N, C-alpha and C. Protein backbone atom coordinates (compact mmCIF):
# COMPACT_ATOMS: atom_id res chain seq x y z
N UNK A 1 17.45 11.15 -9.80
CA UNK A 1 16.27 10.40 -9.41
C UNK A 1 15.03 11.09 -9.98
N UNK A 2 14.14 10.30 -10.53
CA UNK A 2 12.93 10.82 -11.15
C UNK A 2 11.94 11.26 -10.07
N UNK A 3 11.43 12.46 -10.19
CA UNK A 3 10.45 12.96 -9.23
C UNK A 3 9.05 12.70 -9.75
N UNK A 4 8.17 12.36 -8.86
CA UNK A 4 6.78 12.06 -9.22
C UNK A 4 5.82 13.09 -8.67
N UNK A 5 6.28 14.27 -8.42
CA UNK A 5 5.44 15.32 -7.86
C UNK A 5 4.28 15.60 -8.82
N UNK A 6 3.08 15.67 -8.26
CA UNK A 6 1.92 15.97 -9.07
C UNK A 6 1.31 14.77 -9.76
N UNK A 7 1.85 13.59 -9.52
CA UNK A 7 1.33 12.39 -10.18
C UNK A 7 0.45 11.57 -9.27
N UNK A 8 -0.19 12.22 -8.34
CA UNK A 8 -1.11 11.52 -7.47
C UNK A 8 -0.50 11.18 -6.13
N UNK A 9 -1.25 10.39 -5.40
CA UNK A 9 -0.89 10.09 -4.03
C UNK A 9 -0.73 8.60 -3.83
N UNK A 10 0.01 8.27 -2.78
CA UNK A 10 0.14 6.88 -2.36
C UNK A 10 -0.46 6.78 -0.97
N UNK A 11 -1.33 5.79 -0.78
CA UNK A 11 -1.94 5.54 0.51
C UNK A 11 -1.16 4.45 1.23
N UNK A 12 -0.74 4.74 2.45
CA UNK A 12 -0.07 3.75 3.29
C UNK A 12 -0.98 3.48 4.48
N UNK A 13 -1.34 2.22 4.67
CA UNK A 13 -2.24 1.85 5.75
C UNK A 13 -1.58 0.78 6.61
N UNK A 14 -1.28 1.16 7.85
CA UNK A 14 -0.63 0.24 8.79
C UNK A 14 -0.92 0.71 10.21
N UNK A 15 -1.18 -0.21 11.12
CA UNK A 15 -1.46 0.17 12.49
C UNK A 15 -0.19 0.37 13.32
N UNK A 16 0.96 0.08 12.74
CA UNK A 16 2.26 0.32 13.39
C UNK A 16 2.70 1.74 13.03
N UNK A 17 2.54 2.66 13.97
CA UNK A 17 2.78 4.08 13.72
C UNK A 17 4.22 4.36 13.26
N UNK A 18 5.18 3.68 13.85
CA UNK A 18 6.59 3.89 13.47
C UNK A 18 6.82 3.45 12.03
N UNK A 19 6.32 2.26 11.66
CA UNK A 19 6.49 1.78 10.30
C UNK A 19 5.74 2.67 9.31
N UNK A 20 4.56 3.12 9.70
CA UNK A 20 3.75 4.00 8.86
C UNK A 20 4.52 5.28 8.53
N UNK A 21 5.09 5.92 9.56
CA UNK A 21 5.86 7.15 9.34
C UNK A 21 7.12 6.89 8.53
N UNK A 22 7.76 5.76 8.75
CA UNK A 22 8.96 5.39 8.01
C UNK A 22 8.65 5.26 6.52
N UNK A 23 7.59 4.52 6.19
CA UNK A 23 7.19 4.36 4.78
C UNK A 23 6.81 5.71 4.17
N UNK A 24 6.08 6.52 4.92
CA UNK A 24 5.68 7.84 4.41
C UNK A 24 6.90 8.68 4.08
N UNK A 25 7.93 8.62 4.91
CA UNK A 25 9.16 9.38 4.66
C UNK A 25 9.83 8.90 3.37
N UNK A 26 9.92 7.60 3.18
CA UNK A 26 10.53 7.03 1.97
C UNK A 26 9.76 7.51 0.74
N UNK A 27 8.45 7.41 0.79
CA UNK A 27 7.61 7.76 -0.36
C UNK A 27 7.69 9.25 -0.67
N UNK A 28 7.69 10.08 0.36
CA UNK A 28 7.83 11.53 0.15
C UNK A 28 9.17 11.86 -0.51
N UNK A 29 10.22 11.17 -0.10
CA UNK A 29 11.54 11.40 -0.70
C UNK A 29 11.56 11.01 -2.18
N UNK A 30 10.66 10.14 -2.58
CA UNK A 30 10.54 9.74 -3.98
C UNK A 30 9.73 10.77 -4.77
N UNK A 31 9.15 11.75 -4.08
CA UNK A 31 8.43 12.81 -4.76
C UNK A 31 6.92 12.67 -4.77
N UNK A 32 6.39 11.65 -4.15
CA UNK A 32 4.94 11.47 -4.08
C UNK A 32 4.38 12.18 -2.86
N UNK A 33 3.09 12.47 -2.91
CA UNK A 33 2.41 12.89 -1.69
C UNK A 33 1.84 11.62 -1.05
N UNK A 34 1.66 11.67 0.27
CA UNK A 34 1.29 10.46 1.00
C UNK A 34 0.05 10.70 1.85
N UNK A 35 -0.84 9.74 1.81
CA UNK A 35 -1.98 9.68 2.72
C UNK A 35 -1.72 8.50 3.65
N UNK A 36 -2.07 8.65 4.93
CA UNK A 36 -1.86 7.54 5.86
C UNK A 36 -3.14 7.19 6.59
N UNK A 37 -3.26 5.90 6.90
CA UNK A 37 -4.40 5.40 7.66
C UNK A 37 -3.87 4.36 8.64
N UNK A 38 -4.48 4.31 9.82
CA UNK A 38 -4.02 3.36 10.83
C UNK A 38 -4.95 2.16 11.00
N UNK A 39 -6.04 2.15 10.22
CA UNK A 39 -6.91 0.97 10.23
C UNK A 39 -7.69 0.93 8.90
N UNK A 40 -8.37 -0.18 8.70
CA UNK A 40 -9.07 -0.38 7.44
C UNK A 40 -10.18 0.61 7.16
N UNK A 41 -10.91 1.02 8.21
CA UNK A 41 -11.98 2.00 7.99
C UNK A 41 -11.42 3.34 7.52
N UNK A 42 -10.32 3.78 8.13
CA UNK A 42 -9.68 5.03 7.68
C UNK A 42 -9.24 4.90 6.23
N UNK A 43 -8.69 3.75 5.86
CA UNK A 43 -8.23 3.54 4.48
C UNK A 43 -9.40 3.64 3.50
N UNK A 44 -10.51 3.00 3.84
CA UNK A 44 -11.68 3.05 2.95
C UNK A 44 -12.21 4.47 2.83
N UNK A 45 -12.24 5.21 3.93
CA UNK A 45 -12.69 6.61 3.88
C UNK A 45 -11.78 7.43 2.95
N UNK A 46 -10.47 7.22 3.06
CA UNK A 46 -9.52 7.97 2.22
C UNK A 46 -9.65 7.56 0.75
N UNK A 47 -9.85 6.29 0.49
CA UNK A 47 -10.02 5.82 -0.89
C UNK A 47 -11.28 6.41 -1.51
N UNK A 48 -12.34 6.50 -0.72
CA UNK A 48 -13.61 7.04 -1.23
C UNK A 48 -13.52 8.54 -1.50
N UNK A 49 -12.67 9.23 -0.74
CA UNK A 49 -12.60 10.70 -0.84
C UNK A 49 -11.51 11.22 -1.77
N UNK A 50 -10.59 10.36 -2.21
CA UNK A 50 -9.44 10.81 -3.00
C UNK A 50 -9.34 10.03 -4.30
N UNK A 51 -9.57 10.73 -5.38
CA UNK A 51 -9.54 10.08 -6.69
C UNK A 51 -8.15 10.03 -7.32
N UNK A 52 -7.15 10.56 -6.63
CA UNK A 52 -5.81 10.60 -7.22
C UNK A 52 -4.85 9.59 -6.59
N UNK A 53 -5.36 8.63 -5.82
CA UNK A 53 -4.50 7.60 -5.24
C UNK A 53 -4.04 6.67 -6.36
N UNK A 54 -2.72 6.54 -6.48
CA UNK A 54 -2.13 5.74 -7.56
C UNK A 54 -1.61 4.39 -7.11
N UNK A 55 -1.46 4.23 -5.78
CA UNK A 55 -0.88 3.00 -5.24
C UNK A 55 -1.28 2.90 -3.77
N UNK A 56 -1.51 1.66 -3.31
CA UNK A 56 -1.86 1.44 -1.91
C UNK A 56 -0.90 0.41 -1.31
N UNK A 57 -0.27 0.79 -0.20
CA UNK A 57 0.49 -0.15 0.62
C UNK A 57 -0.39 -0.47 1.80
N UNK A 58 -0.67 -1.75 2.03
CA UNK A 58 -1.63 -2.08 3.07
C UNK A 58 -1.19 -3.26 3.92
N UNK A 59 -1.21 -3.02 5.23
CA UNK A 59 -0.92 -4.07 6.21
C UNK A 59 -2.09 -5.04 6.20
N UNK A 60 -1.80 -6.33 6.17
CA UNK A 60 -2.88 -7.32 6.11
C UNK A 60 -3.59 -7.50 7.44
N UNK A 61 -2.88 -7.33 8.55
CA UNK A 61 -3.47 -7.53 9.87
C UNK A 61 -3.54 -6.21 10.62
N UNK A 62 -4.76 -5.68 10.71
CA UNK A 62 -4.99 -4.40 11.40
C UNK A 62 -6.26 -4.49 12.22
N UNK A 63 -6.39 -3.59 13.21
CA UNK A 63 -7.64 -3.56 13.97
C UNK A 63 -8.76 -2.88 13.17
N UNK A 64 -9.95 -2.97 13.67
CA UNK A 64 -11.17 -2.38 13.12
C UNK A 64 -11.59 -3.10 11.84
N UNK A 65 -10.78 -3.00 10.81
CA UNK A 65 -11.04 -3.69 9.54
C UNK A 65 -9.69 -4.12 8.99
N UNK A 66 -9.56 -5.38 8.65
CA UNK A 66 -8.26 -5.91 8.21
C UNK A 66 -7.90 -5.44 6.81
N UNK A 67 -6.63 -5.61 6.49
CA UNK A 67 -6.17 -5.32 5.13
C UNK A 67 -6.88 -6.17 4.10
N UNK A 68 -7.17 -7.42 4.47
CA UNK A 68 -7.91 -8.29 3.55
C UNK A 68 -9.26 -7.69 3.19
N UNK A 69 -9.95 -7.14 4.20
CA UNK A 69 -11.27 -6.55 3.95
C UNK A 69 -11.15 -5.31 3.06
N UNK A 70 -10.10 -4.52 3.26
CA UNK A 70 -9.88 -3.34 2.42
C UNK A 70 -9.58 -3.76 0.99
N UNK A 71 -8.78 -4.79 0.82
CA UNK A 71 -8.46 -5.29 -0.53
C UNK A 71 -9.74 -5.74 -1.22
N UNK A 72 -10.61 -6.47 -0.52
CA UNK A 72 -11.90 -6.89 -1.11
C UNK A 72 -12.72 -5.67 -1.53
N UNK A 73 -12.75 -4.65 -0.67
CA UNK A 73 -13.47 -3.42 -0.98
C UNK A 73 -12.92 -2.79 -2.26
N UNK A 74 -11.61 -2.66 -2.34
CA UNK A 74 -10.96 -2.04 -3.51
C UNK A 74 -11.32 -2.81 -4.78
N UNK A 75 -11.24 -4.12 -4.73
CA UNK A 75 -11.48 -4.95 -5.92
C UNK A 75 -12.93 -4.90 -6.39
N UNK A 76 -13.86 -4.53 -5.49
CA UNK A 76 -15.28 -4.45 -5.86
C UNK A 76 -15.67 -3.09 -6.40
N UNK A 77 -14.80 -2.09 -6.24
CA UNK A 77 -15.12 -0.73 -6.67
C UNK A 77 -14.57 -0.48 -8.08
N UNK A 78 -15.45 -0.15 -9.00
CA UNK A 78 -15.04 0.06 -10.39
C UNK A 78 -13.91 1.08 -10.51
N UNK A 79 -14.00 2.20 -9.78
CA UNK A 79 -13.01 3.26 -9.90
C UNK A 79 -11.71 2.96 -9.16
N UNK A 80 -11.69 1.91 -8.33
CA UNK A 80 -10.51 1.59 -7.53
C UNK A 80 -9.84 0.27 -7.92
N UNK A 81 -10.55 -0.62 -8.58
CA UNK A 81 -10.08 -1.99 -8.74
C UNK A 81 -8.76 -2.15 -9.48
N UNK A 82 -8.34 -1.14 -10.22
CA UNK A 82 -7.07 -1.24 -10.96
C UNK A 82 -5.90 -0.57 -10.25
N UNK A 83 -6.11 -0.04 -9.05
CA UNK A 83 -5.02 0.56 -8.29
C UNK A 83 -4.07 -0.55 -7.86
N UNK A 84 -2.78 -0.41 -8.15
CA UNK A 84 -1.82 -1.43 -7.70
C UNK A 84 -1.76 -1.49 -6.17
N UNK A 85 -1.61 -2.70 -5.65
CA UNK A 85 -1.58 -2.93 -4.21
C UNK A 85 -0.29 -3.62 -3.80
N UNK A 86 0.30 -3.13 -2.71
CA UNK A 86 1.44 -3.79 -2.10
C UNK A 86 1.00 -4.22 -0.71
N UNK A 87 1.00 -5.52 -0.47
CA UNK A 87 0.65 -6.05 0.85
C UNK A 87 1.85 -5.92 1.77
N UNK A 88 1.59 -5.52 3.02
CA UNK A 88 2.63 -5.42 4.04
C UNK A 88 2.30 -6.45 5.11
N UNK A 89 3.28 -7.24 5.49
CA UNK A 89 3.03 -8.21 6.54
C UNK A 89 4.26 -8.38 7.43
N UNK A 90 4.01 -8.58 8.69
CA UNK A 90 5.08 -8.85 9.63
C UNK A 90 5.23 -10.33 9.88
N UNK A 91 4.30 -11.11 9.34
CA UNK A 91 4.30 -12.55 9.53
C UNK A 91 4.61 -13.25 8.22
N UNK A 92 5.05 -14.48 8.32
CA UNK A 92 5.18 -15.30 7.12
C UNK A 92 3.80 -15.89 6.87
N UNK A 93 3.18 -15.50 5.74
CA UNK A 93 1.81 -15.97 5.50
C UNK A 93 1.77 -17.49 5.27
N UNK A 94 0.66 -18.09 5.68
CA UNK A 94 0.42 -19.50 5.37
C UNK A 94 0.33 -19.63 3.85
N UNK A 95 0.63 -20.81 3.30
CA UNK A 95 0.61 -20.97 1.82
C UNK A 95 -0.68 -20.49 1.17
N UNK A 96 -1.83 -20.79 1.79
CA UNK A 96 -3.10 -20.36 1.18
C UNK A 96 -3.26 -18.84 1.23
N UNK A 97 -2.76 -18.21 2.31
CA UNK A 97 -2.81 -16.75 2.39
C UNK A 97 -1.86 -16.12 1.39
N UNK A 98 -0.68 -16.71 1.21
CA UNK A 98 0.28 -16.20 0.24
C UNK A 98 -0.32 -16.26 -1.17
N UNK A 99 -1.02 -17.31 -1.48
CA UNK A 99 -1.70 -17.44 -2.77
C UNK A 99 -2.74 -16.34 -2.93
N UNK A 100 -3.53 -16.09 -1.88
CA UNK A 100 -4.54 -15.01 -1.90
C UNK A 100 -3.88 -13.66 -2.16
N UNK A 101 -2.75 -13.41 -1.49
CA UNK A 101 -2.04 -12.14 -1.68
C UNK A 101 -1.56 -12.02 -3.12
N UNK A 102 -0.97 -13.07 -3.64
CA UNK A 102 -0.43 -13.01 -5.01
C UNK A 102 -1.53 -12.84 -6.05
N UNK A 103 -2.73 -13.32 -5.74
CA UNK A 103 -3.86 -13.16 -6.67
C UNK A 103 -4.40 -11.73 -6.68
N UNK A 104 -4.27 -11.02 -5.55
CA UNK A 104 -4.91 -9.71 -5.45
C UNK A 104 -3.94 -8.54 -5.35
N UNK A 105 -2.67 -8.79 -5.05
CA UNK A 105 -1.69 -7.72 -4.88
C UNK A 105 -0.53 -7.90 -5.85
N UNK A 106 0.08 -6.78 -6.23
CA UNK A 106 1.19 -6.84 -7.16
C UNK A 106 2.51 -7.18 -6.48
N UNK A 107 2.59 -7.00 -5.16
CA UNK A 107 3.82 -7.29 -4.43
C UNK A 107 3.51 -7.49 -2.95
N UNK A 108 4.45 -8.14 -2.27
CA UNK A 108 4.36 -8.35 -0.82
C UNK A 108 5.66 -7.85 -0.21
N UNK A 109 5.55 -7.02 0.81
CA UNK A 109 6.71 -6.51 1.54
C UNK A 109 6.64 -7.05 2.97
N UNK A 110 7.75 -7.60 3.43
CA UNK A 110 7.83 -8.09 4.81
C UNK A 110 8.47 -7.02 5.67
N UNK A 111 7.75 -6.60 6.71
CA UNK A 111 8.37 -5.66 7.64
C UNK A 111 9.06 -6.46 8.72
N UNK A 112 10.08 -5.88 9.28
CA UNK A 112 10.85 -6.59 10.29
C UNK A 112 12.32 -6.57 9.90
N UNK A 113 13.04 -7.53 10.40
CA UNK A 113 14.50 -7.57 10.21
C UNK A 113 14.92 -7.64 8.75
N UNK A 114 14.11 -8.26 7.91
CA UNK A 114 14.49 -8.40 6.50
C UNK A 114 13.88 -7.31 5.60
N UNK A 115 13.33 -6.24 6.20
CA UNK A 115 12.77 -5.15 5.41
C UNK A 115 13.87 -4.49 4.58
N UNK A 116 13.57 -4.23 3.31
CA UNK A 116 14.57 -3.70 2.40
C UNK A 116 14.03 -2.41 1.75
N UNK A 117 14.61 -1.27 2.13
CA UNK A 117 14.15 0.03 1.61
C UNK A 117 14.32 0.11 0.10
N UNK A 118 15.45 -0.38 -0.41
CA UNK A 118 15.70 -0.32 -1.86
C UNK A 118 14.67 -1.15 -2.63
N UNK A 119 14.29 -2.30 -2.08
CA UNK A 119 13.29 -3.14 -2.73
C UNK A 119 11.94 -2.43 -2.76
N UNK A 120 11.55 -1.82 -1.64
CA UNK A 120 10.29 -1.08 -1.60
C UNK A 120 10.30 0.05 -2.62
N UNK A 121 11.38 0.81 -2.67
CA UNK A 121 11.48 1.93 -3.62
C UNK A 121 11.39 1.42 -5.06
N UNK A 122 12.08 0.32 -5.35
CA UNK A 122 12.06 -0.25 -6.71
C UNK A 122 10.65 -0.68 -7.09
N UNK A 123 9.96 -1.34 -6.17
CA UNK A 123 8.60 -1.81 -6.46
C UNK A 123 7.66 -0.62 -6.69
N UNK A 124 7.77 0.40 -5.87
CA UNK A 124 6.93 1.59 -6.04
C UNK A 124 7.19 2.24 -7.40
N UNK A 125 8.44 2.40 -7.76
CA UNK A 125 8.78 2.98 -9.07
C UNK A 125 8.21 2.14 -10.20
N UNK A 126 8.37 0.83 -10.08
CA UNK A 126 7.89 -0.08 -11.11
C UNK A 126 6.37 -0.01 -11.27
N UNK A 127 5.66 0.00 -10.16
CA UNK A 127 4.20 -0.02 -10.20
C UNK A 127 3.59 1.33 -10.58
N UNK A 128 4.34 2.40 -10.43
CA UNK A 128 3.80 3.73 -10.77
C UNK A 128 4.36 4.28 -12.08
N UNK A 129 5.33 3.61 -12.67
CA UNK A 129 5.99 4.17 -13.86
C UNK A 129 5.06 4.30 -15.06
N UNK A 130 4.10 3.40 -15.19
CA UNK A 130 3.18 3.49 -16.33
C UNK A 130 1.92 4.27 -16.02
N UNK A 131 1.89 4.90 -14.83
CA UNK A 131 0.71 5.68 -14.44
C UNK A 131 0.88 7.16 -14.70
N UNK A 132 2.09 7.56 -15.10
CA UNK A 132 2.37 9.00 -15.29
C UNK A 132 1.59 9.58 -16.44
């Protein structure tokens, strides 16, 4: 397995503490360092303070500031707008929301019974492979 140590960090933002820790464990096993945030304001603070974030996994529905608001923030920042984004959702998005996600994020991961660790790992590898 290819190690990505030293190739930057991945930010995981989710208000579900168990899912947040689970994703962080998967990402660390892939060799990345991980930053975590439990709401949108924490995510924005971490994005502003860390120039080595290579990928963001973000829950769309969170307290304080939603994932949608964080995505808008990222897309407006010159230094952040090209960071790949993976949307995390526990709900089946409405068609118009799914279109919004596909326009702004490189992938969508559904948490819950159909969550697939191998799919998440594959997407992370794919989105970070050209960033080395």
